[in-house]
Amino acid sequence: MTFDEEGLPIPVDPTNAIVKRRVETTVHFLYLDSPRLVSARKKKWREISDLIEEYRLACPDTYEACTLQDHQRVERLIGKLSAAAGPRAAYASTARACLRANGLAQFIEAVEEAAAA
């Protein structure tokens, strides 16, 4: 199960009837579509989207044009994105879904790496 930009739970593979049914059952029993949860996930998605936009605009188009401050800004933003998607962060699964949807899955810290830190 993952989440969309509206904060709603969706199956990872919507074409698979078994996966789809499992998500529907989980959502029903855990009330994962409650308005409060949906609203909180939607807010988290927007926060991550804003960080992603800031990350994408943090450095000029060419490496040669990047300053030390640009490098530091990029590193800081990568740290924020990774922390937001970390195993201890609130609504981390929504943050991870947003990173994946934007092609930035490389910033998702593996659970094993988080445990070692």
PDB file of N, CA and C in Angstrom:
ATOM      1  N   MET A   1       0.845  -1.168   0.000  1.00  0.00           N
ATOM      2  CA  MET A   1       0.000   0.000   0.000  1.00  0.00           C
ATOM      3  C   MET A   1       0.893   1.234   0.000  1.00  0.00           C
ATOM      4  N   THR A   2       0.417   2.259  -0.696  1.00  0.00           N
ATOM      5  CA  THR A   2       1.101   3.541  -0.716  1.00  0.00           C
ATOM      6  C   THR A   2       0.030   4.627  -0.643  1.00  0.00           C
ATOM      7  N   PHE A   3       0.424   5.865  -0.829  1.00  0.00           N
ATOM      8  CA  PHE A   3      -0.518   6.978  -0.741  1.00  0.00           C
ATOM      9  C   PHE A   3      -0.348   7.891  -1.939  1.00  0.00           C
ATOM     10  N   ASP A   4      -1.432   8.565  -2.308  1.00  0.00           N
ATOM     11  CA  ASP A   4      -1.349   9.506  -3.417  1.00  0.00           C
ATOM     12  C   ASP A   4      -1.219  10.933  -2.884  1.00  0.00           C
ATOM     13  N   GLU A   5      -1.141  11.893  -3.802  1.00  0.00           N
ATOM     14  CA  GLU A   5      -0.938  13.288  -3.405  1.00  0.00           C
ATOM     15  C   GLU A   5      -2.125  13.883  -2.650  1.00  0.00           C
ATOM     16  N   GLU A   6      -3.250  13.211  -2.693  1.00  0.00           N
ATOM     17  CA  GLU A   6      -4.424  13.656  -1.944  1.00  0.00           C
ATOM     18  C   GLU A   6      -4.480  13.040  -0.546  1.00  0.00           C
ATOM     19  N   GLY A   7      -3.499  12.183  -0.216  1.00  0.00           N
ATOM     20  CA  GLY A   7      -3.451  11.554   1.096  1.00  0.00           C
ATOM     21  C   GLY A   7      -4.249  10.273   1.208  1.00  0.00           C
ATOM     22  N   LEU A   8      -4.768   9.800   0.099  1.00  0.00           N
ATOM     23  CA  LEU A   8      -5.593   8.588   0.119  1.00  0.00           C
ATOM     24  C   LEU A   8      -4.741   7.334  -0.049  1.00  0.00           C
ATOM     25  N   PRO A   9      -5.065   6.276   0.685  1.00  0.00           N
ATOM     26  CA  PRO A   9      -4.347   5.012   0.525  1.00  0.00           C
ATOM     27  C   PRO A   9      -4.704   4.381  -0.820  1.00  0.00           C
ATOM     28  N   ILE A  10      -3.680   3.894  -1.516  1.00  0.00           N
ATOM     29  CA  ILE A  10      -3.885   3.229  -2.805  1.00  0.00           C
ATOM     30  C   ILE A  10      -2.999   1.993  -2.877  1.00  0.00           C
ATOM     31  N   PRO A  11      -3.390   1.003  -3.680  1.00  0.00           N
ATOM     32  CA  PRO A  11      -2.540  -0.178  -3.834  1.00  0.00           C
ATOM     33  C   PRO A  11      -1.299   0.154  -4.662  1.00  0.00           C
ATOM     34  N   VAL A  12      -0.213  -0.506  -4.343  1.00  0.00           N
ATOM     35  CA  VAL A  12       1.016  -0.328  -5.112  1.00  0.00           C
ATOM     36  C   VAL A  12       0.805  -0.826  -6.538  1.00  0.00           C
ATOM     37  N   ASP A  13       0.063  -1.906  -6.674  1.00  0.00           N
ATOM     38  CA  ASP A  13      -0.251  -2.474  -7.989  1.00  0.00           C
ATOM     39  C   ASP A  13      -1.769  -2.506  -8.153  1.00  0.00           C
ATOM     40  N   PRO A  14      -2.360  -1.451  -8.702  1.00  0.00           N
ATOM     41  CA  PRO A  14      -3.818  -1.389  -8.804  1.00  0.00           C
ATOM     42  C   PRO A  14      -4.418  -2.389  -9.793  1.00  0.00           C
ATOM     43  N   THR A  15      -3.591  -3.028 -10.611  1.00  0.00           N
ATOM     44  CA  THR A  15      -4.107  -4.012 -11.567  1.00  0.00           C
ATOM     45  C   THR A  15      -4.241  -5.398 -10.958  1.00  0.00           C
ATOM     46  N   ASN A  16      -3.619  -5.622  -9.804  1.00  0.00           N
ATOM     47  CA  ASN A  16      -3.659  -6.921  -9.143  1.00  0.00           C
ATOM     48  C   ASN A  16      -4.850  -6.953  -8.187  1.00  0.00           C
ATOM     49  N   ALA A  17      -5.814  -7.814  -8.469  1.00  0.00           N
ATOM     50  CA  ALA A  17      -7.047  -7.884  -7.674  1.00  0.00           C
ATOM     51  C   ALA A  17      -6.780  -8.261  -6.221  1.00  0.00           C
ATOM     52  N   ILE A  18      -5.803  -9.125  -5.987  1.00  0.00           N
ATOM     53  CA  ILE A  18      -5.488  -9.550  -4.616  1.00  0.00           C
ATOM     54  C   ILE A  18      -4.926  -8.376  -3.821  1.00  0.00           C
ATOM     55  N   VAL A  19      -3.974  -7.681  -4.405  1.00  0.00           N
ATOM     56  CA  VAL A  19      -3.368  -6.526  -3.733  1.00  0.00           C
ATOM     57  C   VAL A  19      -4.424  -5.451  -3.488  1.00  0.00           C
ATOM     58  N   LYS A  20      -5.246  -5.225  -4.476  1.00  0.00           N
ATOM     59  CA  LYS A  20      -6.307  -4.219  -4.354  1.00  0.00           C
ATOM     60  C   LYS A  20      -7.259  -4.561  -3.197  1.00  0.00           C
ATOM     61  N   ARG A  21      -7.646  -5.819  -3.107  1.00  0.00           N
ATOM     62  CA  ARG A  21      -8.558  -6.265  -2.039  1.00  0.00           C
ATOM     63  C   ARG A  21      -7.900  -6.141  -0.665  1.00  0.00           C
ATOM     64  N   ARG A  22      -6.613  -6.478  -0.576  1.00  0.00           N
ATOM     65  CA  ARG A  22      -5.900  -6.370   0.699  1.00  0.00           C
ATOM     66  C   ARG A  22      -5.876  -4.923   1.185  1.00  0.00           C
ATOM     67  N   VAL A  23      -5.632  -4.007   0.253  1.00  0.00           N
ATOM     68  CA  VAL A  23      -5.610  -2.588   0.614  1.00  0.00           C
ATOM     69  C   VAL A  23      -6.993  -2.142   1.080  1.00  0.00           C
ATOM     70  N   GLU A  24      -8.021  -2.527   0.351  1.00  0.00           N
ATOM     71  CA  GLU A  24      -9.387  -2.160   0.741  1.00  0.00           C
ATOM     72  C   GLU A  24      -9.722  -2.675   2.138  1.00  0.00           C
ATOM     73  N   THR A  25      -9.329  -3.909   2.427  1.00  0.00           N
ATOM     74  CA  THR A  25      -9.596  -4.506   3.738  1.00  0.00           C
ATOM     75  C   THR A  25      -8.823  -3.779   4.833  1.00  0.00           C
ATOM     76  N   THR A  26      -7.558  -3.514   4.588  1.00  0.00           N
ATOM     77  CA  THR A  26      -6.728  -2.811   5.567  1.00  0.00           C
ATOM     78  C   THR A  26      -7.271  -1.414   5.834  1.00  0.00           C
ATOM     79  N   VAL A  27      -7.623  -0.711   4.776  1.00  0.00           N
ATOM     80  CA  VAL A  27      -8.178   0.641   4.922  1.00  0.00           C
ATOM     81  C   VAL A  27      -9.461   0.590   5.744  1.00  0.00           C
ATOM     82  N   HIS A  28     -10.298  -0.396   5.477  1.00  0.00           N
ATOM     83  CA  HIS A  28     -11.565  -0.517   6.202  1.00  0.00           C
ATOM     84  C   HIS A  28     -11.342  -0.786   7.695  1.00  0.00           C
ATOM     85  N   PHE A  29     -10.526  -1.786   8.015  1.00  0.00           N
ATOM     86  CA  PHE A  29     -10.350  -2.170   9.416  1.00  0.00           C
ATOM     87  C   PHE A  29      -9.552  -1.151  10.230  1.00  0.00           C
ATOM     88  N   LEU A  30      -8.592  -0.495   9.605  1.00  0.00           N
ATOM     89  CA  LEU A  30      -7.768   0.478  10.326  1.00  0.00           C
ATOM     90  C   LEU A  30      -8.244   1.915  10.134  1.00  0.00           C
ATOM     91  N   TYR A  31      -9.313   2.073   9.378  1.00  0.00           N
ATOM     92  CA  TYR A  31      -9.903   3.384   9.102  1.00  0.00           C
ATOM     93  C   TYR A  31      -8.841   4.358   8.590  1.00  0.00           C
ATOM     94  N   LEU A  32      -8.069   3.891   7.611  1.00  0.00           N
ATOM     95  CA  LEU A  32      -6.986   4.693   7.053  1.00  0.00           C
ATOM     96  C   LEU A  32      -7.472   5.799   6.125  1.00  0.00           C
ATOM     97  N   ASP A  33      -8.765   5.817   5.853  1.00  0.00           N
ATOM     98  CA  ASP A  33      -9.304   6.889   5.023  1.00  0.00           C
ATOM     99  C   ASP A  33     -10.068   7.922   5.860  1.00  0.00           C
ATOM    100  N   SER A  34      -9.765   7.957   7.148  1.00  0.00           N
ATOM    101  CA  SER A  34     -10.416   8.951   8.007  1.00  0.00           C
ATOM    102  C   SER A  34      -9.987  10.348   7.550  1.00  0.00           C
ATOM    103  N   PRO A  35     -10.874  11.305   7.637  1.00  0.00           N
ATOM    104  CA  PRO A  35     -10.553  12.657   7.174  1.00  0.00           C
ATOM    105  C   PRO A  35      -9.303  13.254   7.826  1.00  0.00           C
ATOM    106  N   ARG A  36      -9.103  12.991   9.107  1.00  0.00           N
ATOM    107  CA  ARG A  36      -7.912  13.520   9.786  1.00  0.00           C
ATOM    108  C   ARG A  36      -6.627  12.932   9.216  1.00  0.00           C
ATOM    109  N   LEU A  37      -6.608  11.622   9.031  1.00  0.00           N
ATOM    110  CA  LEU A  37      -5.417  10.987   8.469  1.00  0.00           C
ATOM    111  C   LEU A  37      -5.168  11.443   7.039  1.00  0.00           C
ATOM    112  N   VAL A  38      -6.215  11.500   6.250  1.00  0.00           N
ATOM    113  CA  VAL A  38      -6.076  11.931   4.858  1.00  0.00           C
ATOM    114  C   VAL A  38      -5.537  13.359   4.811  1.00  0.00           C
ATOM    115  N   SER A  39      -6.066  14.219   5.661  1.00  0.00           N
ATOM    116  CA  SER A  39      -5.615  15.609   5.710  1.00  0.00           C
ATOM    117  C   SER A  39      -4.145  15.713   6.128  1.00  0.00           C
ATOM    118  N   ALA A  40      -3.754  14.936   7.127  1.00  0.00           N
ATOM    119  CA  ALA A  40      -2.365  14.954   7.598  1.00  0.00           C
ATOM    120  C   ALA A  40      -1.418  14.434   6.524  1.00  0.00           C
ATOM    121  N   ARG A  41      -1.824  13.379   5.825  1.00  0.00           N
ATOM    122  CA  ARG A  41      -0.973  12.851   4.751  1.00  0.00           C
ATOM    123  C   ARG A  41      -0.871  13.842   3.592  1.00  0.00           C
ATOM    124  N   LYS A  42      -1.964  14.501   3.278  1.00  0.00           N
ATOM    125  CA  LYS A  42      -1.963  15.499   2.207  1.00  0.00           C
ATOM    126  C   LYS A  42      -1.017  16.651   2.567  1.00  0.00           C
ATOM    127  N   LYS A  43      -1.056  17.065   3.822  1.00  0.00           N
ATOM    128  CA  LYS A  43      -0.161  18.128   4.297  1.00  0.00           C
ATOM    129  C   LYS A  43       1.296  17.687   4.186  1.00  0.00           C
ATOM    130  N   LYS A  44       1.573  16.452   4.593  1.00  0.00           N
ATOM    131  CA  LYS A  44       2.940  15.925   4.510  1.00  0.00           C
ATOM    132  C   LYS A  44       3.404  15.885   3.058  1.00  0.00           C
ATOM    133  N   TRP A  45       2.533  15.458   2.142  1.00  0.00           N
ATOM    134  CA  TRP A  45       2.878  15.403   0.718  1.00  0.00           C
ATOM    135  C   TRP A  45       3.262  16.802   0.221  1.00  0.00           C
ATOM    136  N   ARG A  46       2.479  17.804   0.616  1.00  0.00           N
ATOM    137  CA  ARG A  46       2.780  19.181   0.200  1.00  0.00           C
ATOM    138  C   ARG A  46       4.116  19.648   0.764  1.00  0.00           C
ATOM    139  N   GLU A  47       4.398  19.313   2.022  1.00  0.00           N
ATOM    140  CA  GLU A  47       5.679  19.688   2.632  1.00  0.00           C
ATOM    141  C   GLU A  47       6.843  19.072   1.863  1.00  0.00           C
ATOM    142  N   ILE A  48       6.720  17.797   1.545  1.00  0.00           N
ATOM    143  CA  ILE A  48       7.788  17.109   0.816  1.00  0.00           C
ATOM    144  C   ILE A  48       7.900  17.668  -0.600  1.00  0.00           C
ATOM    145  N   SER A  49       6.780  17.944  -1.234  1.00  0.00           N
ATOM    146  CA  SER A  49       6.806  18.534  -2.578  1.00  0.00           C
ATOM    147  C   SER A  49       7.509  19.884  -2.570  1.00  0.00           C
ATOM    148  N   ASP A  50       7.267  20.671  -1.532  1.00  0.00           N
ATOM    149  CA  ASP A  50       7.943  21.968  -1.414  1.00  0.00           C
ATOM    150  C   ASP A  50       9.447  21.788  -1.247  1.00  0.00           C
ATOM    151  N   LEU A  51       9.856  20.820  -0.424  1.00  0.00           N
ATOM    152  CA  LEU A  51      11.288  20.539  -0.260  1.00  0.00           C
ATOM    153  C   LEU A  51      11.906  20.049  -1.567  1.00  0.00           C
ATOM    154  N   ILE A  52      11.179  19.223  -2.304  1.00  0.00           N
ATOM    155  CA  ILE A  52      11.673  18.723  -3.591  1.00  0.00           C
ATOM    156  C   ILE A  52      11.855  19.880  -4.565  1.00  0.00           C
ATOM    157  N   GLU A  53      10.900  20.772  -4.604  1.00  0.00           N
ATOM    158  CA  GLU A  53      11.004  21.940  -5.487  1.00  0.00           C
ATOM    159  C   GLU A  53      12.207  22.796  -5.103  1.00  0.00           C
ATOM    160  N   GLU A  54      12.382  23.016  -3.807  1.00  0.00           N
ATOM    161  CA  GLU A  54      13.533  23.780  -3.323  1.00  0.00           C
ATOM    162  C   GLU A  54      14.835  23.076  -3.695  1.00  0.00           C
ATOM    163  N   TYR A  55      14.862  21.749  -3.554  1.00  0.00           N
ATOM    164  CA  TYR A  55      16.041  20.957  -3.927  1.00  0.00           C
ATOM    165  C   TYR A  55      16.357  21.122  -5.414  1.00  0.00           C
ATOM    166  N   ARG A  56      15.336  21.054  -6.243  1.00  0.00           N
ATOM    167  CA  ARG A  56      15.546  21.147  -7.695  1.00  0.00           C
ATOM    168  C   ARG A  56      16.007  22.534  -8.128  1.00  0.00           C
ATOM    169  N   LEU A  57      15.670  23.540  -7.361  1.00  0.00           N
ATOM    170  CA  LEU A  57      16.071  24.910  -7.693  1.00  0.00           C
ATOM    171  C   LEU A  57      17.320  25.360  -6.932  1.00  0.00           C
ATOM    172  N   ALA A  58      17.904  24.480  -6.137  1.00  0.00           N
ATOM    173  CA  ALA A  58      18.994  24.857  -5.239  1.00  0.00           C
ATOM    174  C   ALA A  58      20.314  25.127  -5.938  1.00  0.00           C
ATOM    175  N   CYS A  59      20.487  24.647  -7.127  1.00  0.00           N
ATOM    176  CA  CYS A  59      21.774  24.775  -7.801  1.00  0.00           C
ATOM    177  C   CYS A  59      21.558  25.209  -9.252  1.00  0.00           C
ATOM    178  N   PRO A  60      22.476  26.010  -9.782  1.00  0.00           N
ATOM    179  CA  PRO A  60      22.388  26.380 -11.198  1.00  0.00           C
ATOM    180  C   PRO A  60      22.455  25.148 -12.106  1.00  0.00           C
ATOM    181  N   ASP A  61      22.194  25.365 -13.388  1.00  0.00           N
ATOM    182  CA  ASP A  61      22.139  24.256 -14.344  1.00  0.00           C
ATOM    183  C   ASP A  61      23.468  23.545 -14.549  1.00  0.00           C
ATOM    184  N   THR A  62      24.574  24.253 -14.435  1.00  0.00           N
ATOM    185  CA  THR A  62      25.875  23.614 -14.654  1.00  0.00           C
ATOM    186  C   THR A  62      26.626  23.479 -13.334  1.00  0.00           C
ATOM    187  N   TYR A  63      27.421  22.424 -13.244  1.00  0.00           N
ATOM    188  CA  TYR A  63      28.189  22.178 -12.031  1.00  0.00           C
ATOM    189  C   TYR A  63      29.173  23.317 -11.772  1.00  0.00           C
ATOM    190  N   GLU A  64      29.755  23.837 -12.844  1.00  0.00           N
ATOM    191  CA  GLU A  64      30.747  24.905 -12.714  1.00  0.00           C
ATOM    192  C   GLU A  64      30.153  26.165 -12.081  1.00  0.00           C
ATOM    193  N   ALA A  65      28.872  26.379 -12.275  1.00  0.00           N
ATOM    194  CA  ALA A  65      28.212  27.570 -11.732  1.00  0.00           C
ATOM    195  C   ALA A  65      27.805  27.402 -10.264  1.00  0.00           C
ATOM    196  N   CYS A  66      27.910  26.200  -9.732  1.00  0.00           N
ATOM    197  CA  CYS A  66      27.521  25.945  -8.337  1.00  0.00           C
ATOM    198  C   CYS A  66      28.566  26.497  -7.380  1.00  0.00           C
ATOM    199  N   THR A  67      28.094  27.143  -6.344  1.00  0.00           N
ATOM    200  CA  THR A  67      28.984  27.683  -5.321  1.00  0.00           C
ATOM    201  C   THR A  67      29.013  26.734  -4.120  1.00  0.00           C
ATOM    202  N   LEU A  68      29.860  27.038  -3.179  1.00  0.00           N
ATOM    203  CA  LEU A  68      29.928  26.249  -1.947  1.00  0.00           C
ATOM    204  C   LEU A  68      28.580  26.291  -1.222  1.00  0.00           C
ATOM    205  N   GLN A  69      27.933  27.440  -1.229  1.00  0.00           N
ATOM    206  CA  GLN A  69      26.623  27.574  -0.595  1.00  0.00           C
ATOM    207  C   GLN A  69      25.587  26.689  -1.282  1.00  0.00           C
ATOM    208  N   ASP A  70      25.677  26.576  -2.613  1.00  0.00           N
ATOM    209  CA  ASP A  70      24.764  25.693  -3.346  1.00  0.00           C
ATOM    210  C   ASP A  70      24.955  24.248  -2.903  1.00  0.00           C
ATOM    211  N   HIS A  71      26.216  23.822  -2.792  1.00  0.00           N
ATOM    212  CA  HIS A  71      26.514  22.453  -2.349  1.00  0.00           C
ATOM    213  C   HIS A  71      25.967  22.213  -0.942  1.00  0.00           C
ATOM    214  N   GLN A  72      26.170  23.176  -0.064  1.00  0.00           N
ATOM    215  CA  GLN A  72      25.687  23.040   1.310  1.00  0.00           C
ATOM    216  C   GLN A  72      24.161  23.000   1.357  1.00  0.00           C
ATOM    217  N   ARG A  73      23.523  23.830   0.548  1.00  0.00           N
ATOM    218  CA  ARG A  73      22.054  23.854   0.494  1.00  0.00           C
ATOM    219  C   ARG A  73      21.518  22.512   0.011  1.00  0.00           C
ATOM    220  N   VAL A  74      22.142  21.963  -1.040  1.00  0.00           N
ATOM    221  CA  VAL A  74      21.710  20.668  -1.573  1.00  0.00           C
ATOM    222  C   VAL A  74      21.871  19.582  -0.515  1.00  0.00           C
ATOM    223  N   GLU A  75      23.001  19.551   0.171  1.00  0.00           N
ATOM    224  CA  GLU A  75      23.234  18.547   1.213  1.00  0.00           C
ATOM    225  C   GLU A  75      22.216  18.679   2.347  1.00  0.00           C
ATOM    226  N   ARG A  76      21.905  19.918   2.731  1.00  0.00           N
ATOM    227  CA  ARG A  76      20.926  20.155   3.793  1.00  0.00           C
ATOM    228  C   ARG A  76      19.543  19.662   3.374  1.00  0.00           C
ATOM    229  N   LEU A  77      19.167  19.938   2.128  1.00  0.00           N
ATOM    230  CA  LEU A  77      17.857  19.511   1.635  1.00  0.00           C
ATOM    231  C   LEU A  77      17.774  17.992   1.511  1.00  0.00           C
ATOM    232  N   ILE A  78      18.852  17.360   1.072  1.00  0.00           N
ATOM    233  CA  ILE A  78      18.874  15.893   1.003  1.00  0.00           C
ATOM    234  C   ILE A  78      18.694  15.320   2.405  1.00  0.00           C
ATOM    235  N   GLY A  79      19.358  15.916   3.380  1.00  0.00           N
ATOM    236  CA  GLY A  79      19.201  15.474   4.768  1.00  0.00           C
ATOM    237  C   GLY A  79      17.770  15.615   5.264  1.00  0.00           C
ATOM    238  N   LYS A  80      17.130  16.730   4.937  1.00  0.00           N
ATOM    239  CA  LYS A  80      15.733  16.941   5.346  1.00  0.00           C
ATOM    240  C   LYS A  80      14.803  15.932   4.679  1.00  0.00           C
ATOM    241  N   LEU A  81      15.015  15.693   3.386  1.00  0.00           N
ATOM    242  CA  LEU A  81      14.169  14.734   2.669  1.00  0.00           C
ATOM    243  C   LEU A  81      14.358  13.327   3.224  1.00  0.00           C
ATOM    244  N   SER A  82      15.605  12.953   3.480  1.00  0.00           N
ATOM    245  CA  SER A  82      15.883  11.624   4.033  1.00  0.00           C
ATOM    246  C   SER A  82      15.280  11.468   5.423  1.00  0.00           C
ATOM    247  N   ALA A  83      15.402  12.499   6.239  1.00  0.00           N
ATOM    248  CA  ALA A  83      14.847  12.439   7.597  1.00  0.00           C
ATOM    249  C   ALA A  83      13.325  12.337   7.563  1.00  0.00           C
ATOM    250  N   ALA A  84      12.689  13.058   6.657  1.00  0.00           N
ATOM    251  CA  ALA A  84      11.224  13.025   6.561  1.00  0.00           C
ATOM    252  C   ALA A  84      10.711  11.661   6.126  1.00  0.00           C
ATOM    253  N   ALA A  85      11.556  10.915   5.411  1.00  0.00           N
ATOM    254  CA  ALA A  85      11.165   9.585   4.941  1.00  0.00           C
ATOM    255  C   ALA A  85      11.737   8.481   5.819  1.00  0.00           C
ATOM    256  N   GLY A  86      12.411   8.856   6.888  1.00  0.00           N
ATOM    257  CA  GLY A  86      13.034   7.877   7.774  1.00  0.00           C
ATOM    258  C   GLY A  86      12.019   7.100   8.588  1.00  0.00           C
ATOM    259  N   PRO A  87      12.437   5.979   9.151  1.00  0.00           N
ATOM    260  CA  PRO A  87      11.512   5.095   9.863  1.00  0.00           C
ATOM    261  C   PRO A  87      10.896   5.695  11.122  1.00  0.00           C
ATOM    262  N   ARG A  88      11.493   6.726  11.682  1.00  0.00           N
ATOM    263  CA  ARG A  88      10.961   7.325  12.906  1.00  0.00           C
ATOM    264  C   ARG A  88      10.127   8.589  12.637  1.00  0.00           C
ATOM    265  N   ALA A  89      10.043   9.014  11.393  1.00  0.00           N
ATOM    266  CA  ALA A  89       9.334  10.252  11.053  1.00  0.00           C
ATOM    267  C   ALA A  89       7.824  10.028  10.961  1.00  0.00           C
ATOM    268  N   ALA A  90       7.074  11.042  11.333  1.00  0.00           N
ATOM    269  CA  ALA A  90       5.615  10.985  11.208  1.00  0.00           C
ATOM    270  C   ALA A  90       5.231  10.997   9.734  1.00  0.00           C
ATOM    271  N   TYR A  91       4.307  10.131   9.382  1.00  0.00           N
ATOM    272  CA  TYR A  91       3.807  10.014   8.008  1.00  0.00           C
ATOM    273  C   TYR A  91       4.936   9.757   7.005  1.00  0.00           C
ATOM    274  N   ALA A  92       5.911   8.963   7.432  1.00  0.00           N
ATOM    275  CA  ALA A  92       7.062   8.650   6.586  1.00  0.00           C
ATOM    276  C   ALA A  92       6.656   7.906   5.319  1.00  0.00           C
ATOM    277  N   SER A  93       5.642   7.067   5.395  1.00  0.00           N
ATOM    278  CA  SER A  93       5.228   6.332   4.194  1.00  0.00           C
ATOM    279  C   SER A  93       4.691   7.288   3.137  1.00  0.00           C
ATOM    280  N   THR A  94       4.060   8.366   3.552  1.00  0.00           N
ATOM    281  CA  THR A  94       3.599   9.376   2.600  1.00  0.00           C
ATOM    282  C   THR A  94       4.789  10.113   2.004  1.00  0.00           C
ATOM    283  N   ALA A  95       5.770  10.438   2.833  1.00  0.00           N
ATOM    284  CA  ALA A  95       6.980  11.098   2.337  1.00  0.00           C
ATOM    285  C   ALA A  95       7.708  10.203   1.342  1.00  0.00           C
ATOM    286  N   ARG A  96       7.808   8.912   1.653  1.00  0.00           N
ATOM    287  CA  ARG A  96       8.466   7.975   0.731  1.00  0.00           C
ATOM    288  C   ARG A  96       7.702   7.880  -0.585  1.00  0.00           C
ATOM    289  N   ALA A  97       6.381   7.838  -0.510  1.00  0.00           N
ATOM    290  CA  ALA A  97       5.566   7.776  -1.729  1.00  0.00           C
ATOM    291  C   ALA A  97       5.782   9.019  -2.586  1.00  0.00           C
ATOM    292  N   CYS A  98       5.878  10.170  -1.963  1.00  0.00           N
ATOM    293  CA  CYS A  98       6.102  11.416  -2.688  1.00  0.00           C
ATOM    294  C   CYS A  98       7.487  11.419  -3.342  1.00  0.00           C
ATOM    295  N   LEU A  99       8.491  10.972  -2.610  1.00  0.00           N
ATOM    296  CA  LEU A  99       9.839  10.900  -3.183  1.00  0.00           C
ATOM    297  C   LEU A  99       9.873   9.950  -4.376  1.00  0.00           C
ATOM    298  N   ARG A 100       9.237   8.798  -4.241  1.00  0.00           N
ATOM    299  CA  ARG A 100       9.192   7.844  -5.359  1.00  0.00           C
ATOM    300  C   ARG A 100       8.460   8.438  -6.561  1.00  0.00           C
ATOM    301  N   ALA A 101       7.350   9.113  -6.312  1.00  0.00           N
ATOM    302  CA  ALA A 101       6.559   9.706  -7.397  1.00  0.00           C
ATOM    303  C   ALA A 101       7.339  10.788  -8.137  1.00  0.00           C
ATOM    304  N   ASN A 102       8.303  11.391  -7.463  1.00  0.00           N
ATOM    305  CA  ASN A 102       9.105  12.445  -8.068  1.00  0.00           C
ATOM    306  C   ASN A 102      10.482  11.964  -8.516  1.00  0.00           C
ATOM    307  N   GLY A 103      10.678  10.644  -8.534  1.00  0.00           N
ATOM    308  CA  GLY A 103      11.935  10.080  -9.022  1.00  0.00           C
ATOM    309  C   GLY A 103      13.114  10.291  -8.099  1.00  0.00           C
ATOM    310  N   LEU A 104      12.867  10.442  -6.812  1.00  0.00           N
ATOM    311  CA  LEU A 104      13.943  10.683  -5.846  1.00  0.00           C
ATOM    312  C   LEU A 104      14.017   9.593  -4.784  1.00  0.00           C
ATOM    313  N   ALA A 105      13.755   8.376  -5.182  1.00  0.00           N
ATOM    314  CA  ALA A 105      13.774   7.254  -4.240  1.00  0.00           C
ATOM    315  C   ALA A 105      15.153   7.037  -3.626  1.00  0.00           C
ATOM    316  N   GLN A 106      16.199   7.549  -4.268  1.00  0.00           N
ATOM    317  CA  GLN A 106      17.551   7.370  -3.727  1.00  0.00           C
ATOM    318  C   GLN A 106      17.732   8.086  -2.391  1.00  0.00           C
ATOM    319  N   PHE A 107      16.843   8.998  -2.039  1.00  0.00           N
ATOM    320  CA  PHE A 107      16.939   9.703  -0.762  1.00  0.00           C
ATOM    321  C   PHE A 107      16.220   8.973   0.369  1.00  0.00           C
ATOM    322  N   ILE A 108      15.597   7.862   0.059  1.00  0.00           N
ATOM    323  CA  ILE A 108      14.903   7.082   1.082  1.00  0.00           C
ATOM    324  C   ILE A 108      15.926   6.200   1.777  1.00  0.00           C
ATOM    325  N   GLU A 109      16.102   6.444   3.055  1.00  0.00           N
ATOM    326  CA  GLU A 109      17.070   5.694   3.845  1.00  0.00           C
ATOM    327  C   GLU A 109      16.525   4.298   4.135  1.00  0.00           C
ATOM    328  N   ALA A 110      17.332   3.289   3.853  1.00  0.00           N
ATOM    329  CA  ALA A 110      16.920   1.913   4.131  1.00  0.00           C
ATOM    330  C   ALA A 110      16.804   1.712   5.640  1.00  0.00           C
ATOM    331  N   VAL A 111      15.891   0.873   6.045  1.00  0.00           N
ATOM    332  CA  VAL A 111      15.672   0.608   7.473  1.00  0.00           C
ATOM    333  C   VAL A 111      16.956   0.108   8.121  1.00  0.00           C
ATOM    334  N   GLU A 112      17.702  -0.721   7.410  1.00  0.00           N
ATOM    335  CA  GLU A 112      18.958  -1.252   7.948  1.00  0.00           C
ATOM    336  C   GLU A 112      19.957  -0.130   8.201  1.00  0.00           C
ATOM    337  N   GLU A 113      20.004   0.856   7.297  1.00  0.00           N
ATOM    338  CA  GLU A 113      20.915   1.984   7.467  1.00  0.00           C
ATOM    339  C   GLU A 113      20.502   2.836   8.659  1.00  0.00           C
ATOM    340  N   ALA A 114      19.207   3.023   8.836  1.00  0.00           N
ATOM    341  CA  ALA A 114      18.706   3.829   9.951  1.00  0.00           C
ATOM    342  C   ALA A 114      19.032   3.167  11.280  1.00  0.00           C
ATOM    343  N   ALA A 115      18.937   1.854  11.341  1.00  0.00           N
ATOM    344  CA  ALA A 115      19.226   1.129  12.577  1.00  0.00           C
ATOM    345  C   ALA A 115      20.705   1.210  12.927  1.00  0.00           C
ATOM    346  N   ALA A 116      21.561   1.265  11.914  1.00  0.00           N
ATOM    347  CA  ALA A 116      22.997   1.313  12.143  1.00  0.00           C
ATOM    348  C   ALA A 116      23.457   2.701  12.579  1.00  0.00           C
ATOM    349  N   ALA A 117      22.683   3.713  12.275  1.00  0.00           N
ATOM    350  CA  ALA A 117      23.095   5.097  12.576  1.00  0.00           C
ATOM    351  C   ALA A 117      22.920   5.457  14.020  1.00  0.00           C
TER     352      ALA A 117
END
